[in-house]
Amino acid sequence: MPRPWFLTRAAEASLVEIAVWTTRTFGPRQAGLYEEDLIAACRAVAAGTALTYGCRDAIDDGLPEALRFTRAGQHLVVFVEQADAVVIVDVLHSRSDLPRRLADSLPEG
């Protein structure tokens, strides 16, 4: 059974930014389709069916061991699995400065 999932403020802001850019560049239809792909990736993570990777294994730049990601189009859905839910930390372009952007996205504490 899929666990509940939710977005951090950073992830919400990234999705809005992606939607605006995709709409301007490719039009509203393509933006809607891409949004569906990103949301489907979040659902797959929560269901445990997504192909996922450890950020620390891929980047190894002082990131928390629990931080994971899955690919969705040209973006990476970055998340942390908790016992009762999945937290989508951010949605980042695969060409972005991942260690810096992830460090900026991580909750304090």
PDB file of N, CA and C in Angstrom:
ATOM      1  N   MET A   1       0.853  -1.183   0.000  1.00  0.00           N
ATOM      2  CA  MET A   1       0.000   0.000   0.000  1.00  0.00           C
ATOM      3  C   MET A   1       0.901   1.249   0.000  1.00  0.00           C
ATOM      4  N   PRO A   2       0.608   2.179  -0.873  1.00  0.00           N
ATOM      5  CA  PRO A   2       1.435   3.397  -0.922  1.00  0.00           C
ATOM      6  C   PRO A   2       1.324   4.202   0.367  1.00  0.00           C
ATOM      7  N   ARG A   3       2.449   4.755   0.755  1.00  0.00           N
ATOM      8  CA  ARG A   3       2.443   5.657   1.897  1.00  0.00           C
ATOM      9  C   ARG A   3       2.010   7.045   1.434  1.00  0.00           C
ATOM     10  N   PRO A   4       1.518   7.861   2.341  1.00  0.00           N
ATOM     11  CA  PRO A   4       1.242   9.250   1.966  1.00  0.00           C
ATOM     12  C   PRO A   4       2.554   9.950   1.622  1.00  0.00           C
ATOM     13  N   TRP A   5       2.462  10.965   0.792  1.00  0.00           N
ATOM     14  CA  TRP A   5       3.637  11.752   0.452  1.00  0.00           C
ATOM     15  C   TRP A   5       3.262  13.217   0.468  1.00  0.00           C
ATOM     16  N   PHE A   6       4.253  14.040   0.747  1.00  0.00           N
ATOM     17  CA  PHE A   6       4.001  15.476   0.717  1.00  0.00           C
ATOM     18  C   PHE A   6       5.243  16.210   0.269  1.00  0.00           C
ATOM     19  N   LEU A   7       5.024  17.443  -0.173  1.00  0.00           N
ATOM     20  CA  LEU A   7       6.080  18.291  -0.713  1.00  0.00           C
ATOM     21  C   LEU A   7       6.537  19.298   0.324  1.00  0.00           C
ATOM     22  N   THR A   8       7.829  19.555   0.366  1.00  0.00           N
ATOM     23  CA  THR A   8       8.328  20.677   1.156  1.00  0.00           C
ATOM     24  C   THR A   8       8.026  21.964   0.376  1.00  0.00           C
ATOM     25  N   ARG A   9       8.221  23.097   1.012  1.00  0.00           N
ATOM     26  CA  ARG A   9       8.031  24.372   0.316  1.00  0.00           C
ATOM     27  C   ARG A   9       8.980  24.496  -0.872  1.00  0.00           C
ATOM     28  N   ALA A  10      10.203  24.008  -0.700  1.00  0.00           N
ATOM     29  CA  ALA A  10      11.176  24.052  -1.796  1.00  0.00           C
ATOM     30  C   ALA A  10      10.687  23.232  -2.988  1.00  0.00           C
ATOM     31  N   ALA A  11      10.133  22.057  -2.722  1.00  0.00           N
ATOM     32  CA  ALA A  11       9.616  21.209  -3.801  1.00  0.00           C
ATOM     33  C   ALA A  11       8.419  21.870  -4.485  1.00  0.00           C
ATOM     34  N   GLU A  12       7.535  22.462  -3.702  1.00  0.00           N
ATOM     35  CA  GLU A  12       6.399  23.186  -4.287  1.00  0.00           C
ATOM     36  C   GLU A  12       6.874  24.312  -5.187  1.00  0.00           C
ATOM     37  N   ALA A  13       7.838  25.093  -4.703  1.00  0.00           N
ATOM     38  CA  ALA A  13       8.368  26.214  -5.489  1.00  0.00           C
ATOM     39  C   ALA A  13       9.031  25.712  -6.767  1.00  0.00           C
ATOM     40  N   SER A  14       9.746  24.614  -6.680  1.00  0.00           N
ATOM     41  CA  SER A  14      10.389  24.053  -7.869  1.00  0.00           C
ATOM     42  C   SER A  14       9.356  23.599  -8.894  1.00  0.00           C
ATOM     43  N   LEU A  15       8.288  22.962  -8.446  1.00  0.00           N
ATOM     44  CA  LEU A  15       7.253  22.523  -9.379  1.00  0.00           C
ATOM     45  C   LEU A  15       6.593  23.708 -10.083  1.00  0.00           C
ATOM     46  N   VAL A  16       6.368  24.783  -9.357  1.00  0.00           N
ATOM     47  CA  VAL A  16       5.799  25.983  -9.973  1.00  0.00           C
ATOM     48  C   VAL A  16       6.771  26.538 -11.010  1.00  0.00           C
ATOM     49  N   GLU A  17       8.034  26.628 -10.644  1.00  0.00           N
ATOM     50  CA  GLU A  17       9.062  27.138 -11.562  1.00  0.00           C
ATOM     51  C   GLU A  17       9.147  26.270 -12.824  1.00  0.00           C
ATOM     52  N   ILE A  18       9.106  24.960 -12.656  1.00  0.00           N
ATOM     53  CA  ILE A  18       9.140  24.037 -13.793  1.00  0.00           C
ATOM     54  C   ILE A  18       7.920  24.237 -14.679  1.00  0.00           C
ATOM     55  N   ALA A  19       6.743  24.381 -14.070  1.00  0.00           N
ATOM     56  CA  ALA A  19       5.512  24.577 -14.840  1.00  0.00           C
ATOM     57  C   ALA A  19       5.548  25.875 -15.638  1.00  0.00           C
ATOM     58  N   VAL A  20       6.008  26.949 -15.021  1.00  0.00           N
ATOM     59  CA  VAL A  20       6.085  28.244 -15.711  1.00  0.00           C
ATOM     60  C   VAL A  20       7.051  28.150 -16.886  1.00  0.00           C
ATOM     61  N   TRP A  21       8.235  27.602 -16.652  1.00  0.00           N
ATOM     62  CA  TRP A  21       9.234  27.502 -17.714  1.00  0.00           C
ATOM     63  C   TRP A  21       8.739  26.611 -18.858  1.00  0.00           C
ATOM     64  N   THR A  22       8.154  25.466 -18.513  1.00  0.00           N
ATOM     65  CA  THR A  22       7.682  24.535 -19.536  1.00  0.00           C
ATOM     66  C   THR A  22       6.534  25.144 -20.329  1.00  0.00           C
ATOM     67  N   THR A  23       5.644  25.878 -19.666  1.00  0.00           N
ATOM     68  CA  THR A  23       4.542  26.535 -20.364  1.00  0.00           C
ATOM     69  C   THR A  23       5.071  27.570 -21.345  1.00  0.00           C
ATOM     70  N   ARG A  24       6.009  28.390 -20.900  1.00  0.00           N
ATOM     71  CA  ARG A  24       6.582  29.423 -21.779  1.00  0.00           C
ATOM     72  C   ARG A  24       7.352  28.816 -22.949  1.00  0.00           C
ATOM     73  N   THR A  25       8.039  27.720 -22.699  1.00  0.00           N
ATOM     74  CA  THR A  25       8.912  27.128 -23.709  1.00  0.00           C
ATOM     75  C   THR A  25       8.172  26.186 -24.650  1.00  0.00           C
ATOM     76  N   PHE A  26       7.270  25.368 -24.121  1.00  0.00           N
ATOM     77  CA  PHE A  26       6.622  24.324 -24.918  1.00  0.00           C
ATOM     78  C   PHE A  26       5.097  24.422 -24.972  1.00  0.00           C
ATOM     79  N   GLY A  27       4.518  25.321 -24.196  1.00  0.00           N
ATOM     80  CA  GLY A  27       3.068  25.486 -24.204  1.00  0.00           C
ATOM     81  C   GLY A  27       2.379  24.779 -23.049  1.00  0.00           C
ATOM     82  N   PRO A  28       1.129  25.163 -22.811  1.00  0.00           N
ATOM     83  CA  PRO A  28       0.406  24.626 -21.652  1.00  0.00           C
ATOM     84  C   PRO A  28       0.122  23.125 -21.726  1.00  0.00           C
ATOM     85  N   ARG A  29      -0.103  22.598 -22.913  1.00  0.00           N
ATOM     86  CA  ARG A  29      -0.384  21.161 -23.023  1.00  0.00           C
ATOM     87  C   ARG A  29       0.825  20.352 -22.561  1.00  0.00           C
ATOM     88  N   GLN A  30       2.012  20.704 -23.062  1.00  0.00           N
ATOM     89  CA  GLN A  30       3.217  19.980 -22.679  1.00  0.00           C
ATOM     90  C   GLN A  30       3.522  20.171 -21.195  1.00  0.00           C
ATOM     91  N   ALA A  31       3.269  21.375 -20.683  1.00  0.00           N
ATOM     92  CA  ALA A  31       3.496  21.626 -19.256  1.00  0.00           C
ATOM     93  C   ALA A  31       2.606  20.718 -18.410  1.00  0.00           C
ATOM     94  N   GLY A  32       1.359  20.552 -18.824  1.00  0.00           N
ATOM     95  CA  GLY A  32       0.442  19.672 -18.100  1.00  0.00           C
ATOM     96  C   GLY A  32       0.891  18.222 -18.125  1.00  0.00           C
ATOM     97  N   LEU A  33       1.357  17.767 -19.289  1.00  0.00           N
ATOM     98  CA  LEU A  33       1.851  16.396 -19.407  1.00  0.00           C
ATOM     99  C   LEU A  33       3.084  16.163 -18.542  1.00  0.00           C
ATOM    100  N   TYR A  34       3.980  17.145 -18.539  1.00  0.00           N
ATOM    101  CA  TYR A  34       5.199  16.999 -17.750  1.00  0.00           C
ATOM    102  C   TYR A  34       4.881  17.020 -16.254  1.00  0.00           C
ATOM    103  N   GLU A  35       3.946  17.871 -15.870  1.00  0.00           N
ATOM    104  CA  GLU A  35       3.520  17.899 -14.465  1.00  0.00           C
ATOM    105  C   GLU A  35       2.974  16.526 -14.058  1.00  0.00           C
ATOM    106  N   GLU A  36       2.186  15.916 -14.942  1.00  0.00           N
ATOM    107  CA  GLU A  36       1.657  14.579 -14.655  1.00  0.00           C
ATOM    108  C   GLU A  36       2.788  13.570 -14.468  1.00  0.00           C
ATOM    109  N   ASP A  37       3.839  13.670 -15.291  1.00  0.00           N
ATOM    110  CA  ASP A  37       4.989  12.773 -15.151  1.00  0.00           C
ATOM    111  C   ASP A  37       5.681  12.957 -13.798  1.00  0.00           C
ATOM    112  N   LEU A  38       5.859  14.209 -13.385  1.00  0.00           N
ATOM    113  CA  LEU A  38       6.519  14.486 -12.110  1.00  0.00           C
ATOM    114  C   LEU A  38       5.691  13.976 -10.935  1.00  0.00           C
ATOM    115  N   ILE A  39       4.388  14.203 -10.994  1.00  0.00           N
ATOM    116  CA  ILE A  39       3.503  13.721  -9.918  1.00  0.00           C
ATOM    117  C   ILE A  39       3.472  12.188  -9.911  1.00  0.00           C
ATOM    118  N   ALA A  40       3.479  11.577 -11.094  1.00  0.00           N
ATOM    119  CA  ALA A  40       3.509  10.110 -11.165  1.00  0.00           C
ATOM    120  C   ALA A  40       4.785   9.566 -10.522  1.00  0.00           C
ATOM    121  N   ALA A  41       5.899  10.265 -10.700  1.00  0.00           N
ATOM    122  CA  ALA A  41       7.153   9.840 -10.070  1.00  0.00           C
ATOM    123  C   ALA A  41       7.034   9.912  -8.547  1.00  0.00           C
ATOM    124  N   CYS A  42       6.404  10.962  -8.033  1.00  0.00           N
ATOM    125  CA  CYS A  42       6.196  11.083  -6.583  1.00  0.00           C
ATOM    126  C   CYS A  42       5.330   9.941  -6.071  1.00  0.00           C
ATOM    127  N   ARG A  43       4.284   9.622  -6.804  1.00  0.00           N
ATOM    128  CA  ARG A  43       3.397   8.514  -6.406  1.00  0.00           C
ATOM    129  C   ARG A  43       4.140   7.176  -6.441  1.00  0.00           C
ATOM    130  N   ALA A  44       4.980   6.992  -7.460  1.00  0.00           N
ATOM    131  CA  ALA A  44       5.741   5.741  -7.564  1.00  0.00           C
ATOM    132  C   ALA A  44       6.724   5.596  -6.402  1.00  0.00           C
ATOM    133  N   VAL A  45       7.331   6.697  -5.995  1.00  0.00           N
ATOM    134  CA  VAL A  45       8.223   6.670  -4.830  1.00  0.00           C
ATOM    135  C   VAL A  45       7.429   6.226  -3.604  1.00  0.00           C
ATOM    136  N   ALA A  46       6.267   6.823  -3.399  1.00  0.00           N
ATOM    137  CA  ALA A  46       5.438   6.494  -2.232  1.00  0.00           C
ATOM    138  C   ALA A  46       4.958   5.046  -2.270  1.00  0.00           C
ATOM    139  N   ALA A  47       4.725   4.531  -3.483  1.00  0.00           N
ATOM    140  CA  ALA A  47       4.264   3.151  -3.627  1.00  0.00           C
ATOM    141  C   ALA A  47       5.407   2.144  -3.546  1.00  0.00           C
ATOM    142  N   GLY A  48       6.644   2.651  -3.600  1.00  0.00           N
ATOM    143  CA  GLY A  48       7.792   1.759  -3.553  1.00  0.00           C
ATOM    144  C   GLY A  48       8.102   1.111  -4.890  1.00  0.00           C
ATOM    145  N   THR A  49       7.572   1.663  -5.988  1.00  0.00           N
ATOM    146  CA  THR A  49       7.775   1.064  -7.306  1.00  0.00           C
ATOM    147  C   THR A  49       8.770   1.843  -8.181  1.00  0.00           C
ATOM    148  N   ALA A  50       9.248   2.969  -7.706  1.00  0.00           N
ATOM    149  CA  ALA A  50      10.182   3.788  -8.488  1.00  0.00           C
ATOM    150  C   ALA A  50      11.593   3.238  -8.365  1.00  0.00           C
ATOM    151  N   LEU A  51      12.353   3.366  -9.435  1.00  0.00           N
ATOM    152  CA  LEU A  51      13.771   3.040  -9.393  1.00  0.00           C
ATOM    153  C   LEU A  51      14.464   4.208  -8.699  1.00  0.00           C
ATOM    154  N   THR A  52      15.066   3.945  -7.539  1.00  0.00           N
ATOM    155  CA  THR A  52      15.634   5.035  -6.741  1.00  0.00           C
ATOM    156  C   THR A  52      17.115   4.824  -6.496  1.00  0.00           C
ATOM    157  N   TYR A  53      17.771   5.928  -6.180  1.00  0.00           N
ATOM    158  CA  TYR A  53      19.209   5.933  -5.941  1.00  0.00           C
ATOM    159  C   TYR A  53      19.497   6.749  -4.692  1.00  0.00           C
ATOM    160  N   GLY A  54      20.576   6.420  -4.023  1.00  0.00           N
ATOM    161  CA  GLY A  54      21.014   7.210  -2.887  1.00  0.00           C
ATOM    162  C   GLY A  54      21.789   8.426  -3.374  1.00  0.00           C
ATOM    163  N   CYS A  55      21.439   9.610  -2.917  1.00  0.00           N
ATOM    164  CA  CYS A  55      22.141  10.825  -3.322  1.00  0.00           C
ATOM    165  C   CYS A  55      23.597  10.766  -2.898  1.00  0.00           C
ATOM    166  N   ARG A  56      23.826  10.238  -1.741  1.00  0.00           N
ATOM    167  CA  ARG A  56      25.195  10.174  -1.222  1.00  0.00           C
ATOM    168  C   ARG A  56      26.064   9.278  -2.098  1.00  0.00           C
ATOM    169  N   ASP A  57      25.479   8.182  -2.588  1.00  0.00           N
ATOM    170  CA  ASP A  57      26.214   7.283  -3.477  1.00  0.00           C
ATOM    171  C   ASP A  57      26.513   7.956  -4.806  1.00  0.00           C
ATOM    172  N   ALA A  58      25.556   8.731  -5.311  1.00  0.00           N
ATOM    173  CA  ALA A  58      25.699   9.359  -6.620  1.00  0.00           C
ATOM    174  C   ALA A  58      26.563  10.610  -6.568  1.00  0.00           C
ATOM    175  N   ILE A  59      26.476  11.355  -5.476  1.00  0.00           N
ATOM    176  CA  ILE A  59      27.138  12.658  -5.412  1.00  0.00           C
ATOM    177  C   ILE A  59      28.278  12.667  -4.403  1.00  0.00           C
ATOM    178  N   ASP A  60      28.081  11.976  -3.273  1.00  0.00           N
ATOM    179  CA  ASP A  60      29.092  11.874  -2.210  1.00  0.00           C
ATOM    180  C   ASP A  60      29.694  13.232  -1.854  1.00  0.00           C
ATOM    181  N   ASP A  61      28.839  14.134  -1.421  1.00  0.00           N
ATOM    182  CA  ASP A  61      29.310  15.468  -1.069  1.00  0.00           C
ATOM    183  C   ASP A  61      28.752  15.907   0.283  1.00  0.00           C
ATOM    184  N   GLY A  62      28.830  15.023   1.270  1.00  0.00           N
ATOM    185  CA  GLY A  62      28.383  15.381   2.607  1.00  0.00           C
ATOM    186  C   GLY A  62      26.881  15.421   2.784  1.00  0.00           C
ATOM    187  N   LEU A  63      26.139  14.808   1.870  1.00  0.00           N
ATOM    188  CA  LEU A  63      24.684  14.809   1.968  1.00  0.00           C
ATOM    189  C   LEU A  63      24.219  13.712   2.923  1.00  0.00           C
ATOM    190  N   PRO A  64      23.062  13.897   3.544  1.00  0.00           N
ATOM    191  CA  PRO A  64      22.551  12.871   4.458  1.00  0.00           C
ATOM    192  C   PRO A  64      22.341  11.536   3.747  1.00  0.00           C
ATOM    193  N   GLU A  65      22.653  10.479   4.440  1.00  0.00           N
ATOM    194  CA  GLU A  65      22.540   9.138   3.862  1.00  0.00           C
ATOM    195  C   GLU A  65      21.106   8.799   3.457  1.00  0.00           C
ATOM    196  N   ALA A  66      20.125   9.330   4.166  1.00  0.00           N
ATOM    197  CA  ALA A  66      18.724   9.013   3.904  1.00  0.00           C
ATOM    198  C   ALA A  66      18.174   9.687   2.645  1.00  0.00           C
ATOM    199  N   LEU A  67      18.871  10.659   2.112  1.00  0.00           N
ATOM    200  CA  LEU A  67      18.410  11.402   0.941  1.00  0.00           C
ATOM    201  C   LEU A  67      18.517  10.522  -0.301  1.00  0.00           C
ATOM    202  N   ARG A  68      17.393  10.405  -1.036  1.00  0.00           N
ATOM    203  CA  ARG A  68      17.341   9.547  -2.218  1.00  0.00           C
ATOM    204  C   ARG A  68      16.743  10.329  -3.380  1.00  0.00           C
ATOM    205  N   PHE A  69      16.846   9.775  -4.584  1.00  0.00           N
ATOM    206  CA  PHE A  69      16.210  10.427  -5.721  1.00  0.00           C
ATOM    207  C   PHE A  69      15.762   9.402  -6.747  1.00  0.00           C
ATOM    208  N   THR A  70      14.823   9.833  -7.582  1.00  0.00           N
ATOM    209  CA  THR A  70      14.402   9.091  -8.760  1.00  0.00           C
ATOM    210  C   THR A  70      14.353  10.081  -9.911  1.00  0.00           C
ATOM    211  N   ARG A  71      14.544   9.579 -11.089  1.00  0.00           N
ATOM    212  CA  ARG A  71      14.546  10.442 -12.272  1.00  0.00           C
ATOM    213  C   ARG A  71      13.137  10.546 -12.837  1.00  0.00           C
ATOM    214  N   ALA A  72      12.768  11.752 -13.283  1.00  0.00           N
ATOM    215  CA  ALA A  72      11.485  11.993 -13.947  1.00  0.00           C
ATOM    216  C   ALA A  72      11.763  12.978 -15.083  1.00  0.00           C
ATOM    217  N   GLY A  73      11.842  12.489 -16.289  1.00  0.00           N
ATOM    218  CA  GLY A  73      12.192  13.350 -17.411  1.00  0.00           C
ATOM    219  C   GLY A  73      13.590  13.910 -17.216  1.00  0.00           C
ATOM    220  N   GLN A  74      13.710  15.232 -17.314  1.00  0.00           N
ATOM    221  CA  GLN A  74      14.994  15.902 -17.119  1.00  0.00           C
ATOM    222  C   GLN A  74      15.211  16.328 -15.670  1.00  0.00           C
ATOM    223  N   HIS A  75      14.360  15.859 -14.769  1.00  0.00           N
ATOM    224  CA  HIS A  75      14.442  16.273 -13.369  1.00  0.00           C
ATOM    225  C   HIS A  75      14.667  15.089 -12.440  1.00  0.00           C
ATOM    226  N   LEU A  76      15.137  15.413 -11.259  1.00  0.00           N
ATOM    227  CA  LEU A  76      15.325  14.437 -10.198  1.00  0.00           C
ATOM    228  C   LEU A  76      14.370  14.785  -9.060  1.00  0.00           C
ATOM    229  N   VAL A  77      13.555  13.829  -8.678  1.00  0.00           N
ATOM    230  CA  VAL A  77      12.674  13.988  -7.526  1.00  0.00           C
ATOM    231  C   VAL A  77      13.477  13.507  -6.321  1.00  0.00           C
ATOM    232  N   VAL A  78      13.816  14.436  -5.435  1.00  0.00           N
ATOM    233  CA  VAL A  78      14.655  14.144  -4.283  1.00  0.00           C
ATOM    234  C   VAL A  78      13.741  13.959  -3.066  1.00  0.00           C
ATOM    235  N   PHE A  79      13.957  12.896  -2.319  1.00  0.00           N
ATOM    236  CA  PHE A  79      13.031  12.582  -1.235  1.00  0.00           C
ATOM    237  C   PHE A  79      13.724  11.911  -0.064  1.00  0.00           C
ATOM    238  N   VAL A  80      12.992  11.851   1.044  1.00  0.00           N
ATOM    239  CA  VAL A  80      13.404  11.120   2.238  1.00  0.00           C
ATOM    240  C   VAL A  80      12.232  10.238   2.634  1.00  0.00           C
ATOM    241  N   GLU A  81      12.523   8.978   2.864  1.00  0.00           N
ATOM    242  CA  GLU A  81      11.485   8.061   3.317  1.00  0.00           C
ATOM    243  C   GLU A  81      11.418   8.092   4.838  1.00  0.00           C
ATOM    244  N   GLN A  82      10.220   8.292   5.358  1.00  0.00           N
ATOM    245  CA  GLN A  82       9.988   8.201   6.795  1.00  0.00           C
ATOM    246  C   GLN A  82       9.134   6.967   7.050  1.00  0.00           C
ATOM    247  N   ALA A  83       8.965   6.604   8.275  1.00  0.00           N
ATOM    248  CA  ALA A  83       8.215   5.388   8.596  1.00  0.00           C
ATOM    249  C   ALA A  83       6.787   5.434   8.067  1.00  0.00           C
ATOM    250  N   ASP A  84       6.157   6.603   8.134  1.00  0.00           N
ATOM    251  CA  ASP A  84       4.748   6.697   7.775  1.00  0.00           C
ATOM    252  C   ASP A  84       4.466   7.561   6.548  1.00  0.00           C
ATOM    253  N   ALA A  85       5.496   8.132   5.926  1.00  0.00           N
ATOM    254  CA  ALA A  85       5.271   9.011   4.775  1.00  0.00           C
ATOM    255  C   ALA A  85       6.570   9.197   3.997  1.00  0.00           C
ATOM    256  N   VAL A  86       6.422   9.764   2.811  1.00  0.00           N
ATOM    257  CA  VAL A  86       7.565  10.141   1.992  1.00  0.00           C
ATOM    258  C   VAL A  86       7.559  11.657   1.870  1.00  0.00           C
ATOM    259  N   VAL A  87       8.696  12.264   2.138  1.00  0.00           N
ATOM    260  CA  VAL A  87       8.834  13.717   2.037  1.00  0.00           C
ATOM    261  C   VAL A  87       9.595  14.021   0.745  1.00  0.00           C
ATOM    262  N   ILE A  88       8.940  14.712  -0.180  1.00  0.00           N
ATOM    263  CA  ILE A  88       9.596  15.149  -1.405  1.00  0.00           C
ATOM    264  C   ILE A  88      10.325  16.438  -1.056  1.00  0.00           C
ATOM    265  N   VAL A  89      11.644  16.373  -0.989  1.00  0.00           N
ATOM    266  CA  VAL A  89      12.475  17.483  -0.536  1.00  0.00           C
ATOM    267  C   VAL A  89      12.579  18.563  -1.606  1.00  0.00           C
ATOM    268  N   ASP A  90      12.772  18.142  -2.867  1.00  0.00           N
ATOM    269  CA  ASP A  90      12.873  19.103  -3.965  1.00  0.00           C
ATOM    270  C   ASP A  90      12.772  18.356  -5.281  1.00  0.00           C
ATOM    271  N   VAL A  91      12.557  19.117  -6.344  1.00  0.00           N
ATOM    272  CA  VAL A  91      12.554  18.594  -7.708  1.00  0.00           C
ATOM    273  C   VAL A  91      13.554  19.454  -8.467  1.00  0.00           C
ATOM    274  N   LEU A  92      14.667  18.849  -8.867  1.00  0.00           N
ATOM    275  CA  LEU A  92      15.784  19.608  -9.429  1.00  0.00           C
ATOM    276  C   LEU A  92      16.123  19.132 -10.832  1.00  0.00           C
ATOM    277  N   HIS A  93      16.518  20.078 -11.668  1.00  0.00           N
ATOM    278  CA  HIS A  93      16.961  19.708 -13.011  1.00  0.00           C
ATOM    279  C   HIS A  93      18.231  18.874 -12.891  1.00  0.00           C
ATOM    280  N   SER A  94      18.361  17.893 -13.750  1.00  0.00           N
ATOM    281  CA  SER A  94      19.507  16.987 -13.660  1.00  0.00           C
ATOM    282  C   SER A  94      20.834  17.681 -13.918  1.00  0.00           C
ATOM    283  N   ARG A  95      20.819  18.868 -14.538  1.00  0.00           N
ATOM    284  CA  ARG A  95      22.063  19.599 -14.790  1.00  0.00           C
ATOM    285  C   ARG A  95      22.371  20.659 -13.730  1.00  0.00           C
ATOM    286  N   SER A  96      21.533  20.758 -12.723  1.00  0.00           N
ATOM    287  CA  SER A  96      21.776  21.777 -11.694  1.00  0.00           C
ATOM    288  C   SER A  96      22.932  21.357 -10.785  1.00  0.00           C
ATOM    289  N   ASP A  97      23.418  22.301 -10.018  1.00  0.00           N
ATOM    290  CA  ASP A  97      24.481  22.036  -9.039  1.00  0.00           C
ATOM    291  C   ASP A  97      23.817  21.295  -7.871  1.00  0.00           C
ATOM    292  N   LEU A  98      23.741  19.993  -7.984  1.00  0.00           N
ATOM    293  CA  LEU A  98      22.970  19.194  -7.032  1.00  0.00           C
ATOM    294  C   LEU A  98      23.416  19.338  -5.585  1.00  0.00           C
ATOM    295  N   PRO A  99      24.704  19.223  -5.276  1.00  0.00           N
ATOM    296  CA  PRO A  99      25.083  19.357  -3.863  1.00  0.00           C
ATOM    297  C   PRO A  99      24.665  20.706  -3.259  1.00  0.00           C
ATOM    298  N   ARG A 100      24.867  21.790  -4.000  1.00  0.00           N
ATOM    299  CA  ARG A 100      24.498  23.110  -3.475  1.00  0.00           C
ATOM    300  C   ARG A 100      22.984  23.242  -3.351  1.00  0.00           C
ATOM    301  N   ARG A 101      22.265  22.862  -4.396  1.00  0.00           N
ATOM    302  CA  ARG A 101      20.804  22.980  -4.361  1.00  0.00           C
ATOM    303  C   ARG A 101      20.197  22.093  -3.283  1.00  0.00           C
ATOM    304  N   LEU A 102      20.729  20.896  -3.110  1.00  0.00           N
ATOM    305  CA  LEU A 102      20.193  20.016  -2.066  1.00  0.00           C
ATOM    306  C   LEU A 102      20.507  20.551  -0.688  1.00  0.00           C
ATOM    307  N   ALA A 103      21.691  21.069  -0.490  1.00  0.00           N
ATOM    308  CA  ALA A 103      22.034  21.666   0.813  1.00  0.00           C
ATOM    309  C   ALA A 103      21.097  22.818   1.134  1.00  0.00           C
ATOM    310  N   ASP A 104      20.717  23.602   0.123  1.00  0.00           N
ATOM    311  CA  ASP A 104      19.786  24.711   0.318  1.00  0.00           C
ATOM    312  C   ASP A 104      18.374  24.225   0.610  1.00  0.00           C
ATOM    313  N   SER A 105      18.010  23.026   0.116  1.00  0.00           N
ATOM    314  CA  SER A 105      16.658  22.506   0.256  1.00  0.00           C
ATOM    315  C   SER A 105      16.400  21.744   1.541  1.00  0.00           C
ATOM    316  N   LEU A 106      17.470  21.259   2.158  1.00  0.00           N
ATOM    317  CA  LEU A 106      17.285  20.413   3.336  1.00  0.00           C
ATOM    318  C   LEU A 106      16.743  21.200   4.507  1.00  0.00           C
ATOM    319  N   PRO A 107      15.781  20.604   5.228  1.00  0.00           N
ATOM    320  CA  PRO A 107      15.261  21.270   6.427  1.00  0.00           C
ATOM    321  C   PRO A 107      16.341  21.411   7.483  1.00  0.00           C
ATOM    322  N   GLU A 108      16.246  22.462   8.262  1.00  0.00           N
ATOM    323  CA  GLU A 108      17.191  22.687   9.355  1.00  0.00           C
ATOM    324  C   GLU A 108      16.996  21.608  10.417  1.00  0.00           C
ATOM    325  N   GLY A 109      18.082  21.258  11.099  1.00  0.00           N
ATOM    326  CA  GLY A 109      17.976  20.352  12.216  1.00  0.00           C
ATOM    327  C   GLY A 109      18.411  19.032  11.852  1.00  0.00           C
TER     328      GLY A 109
END
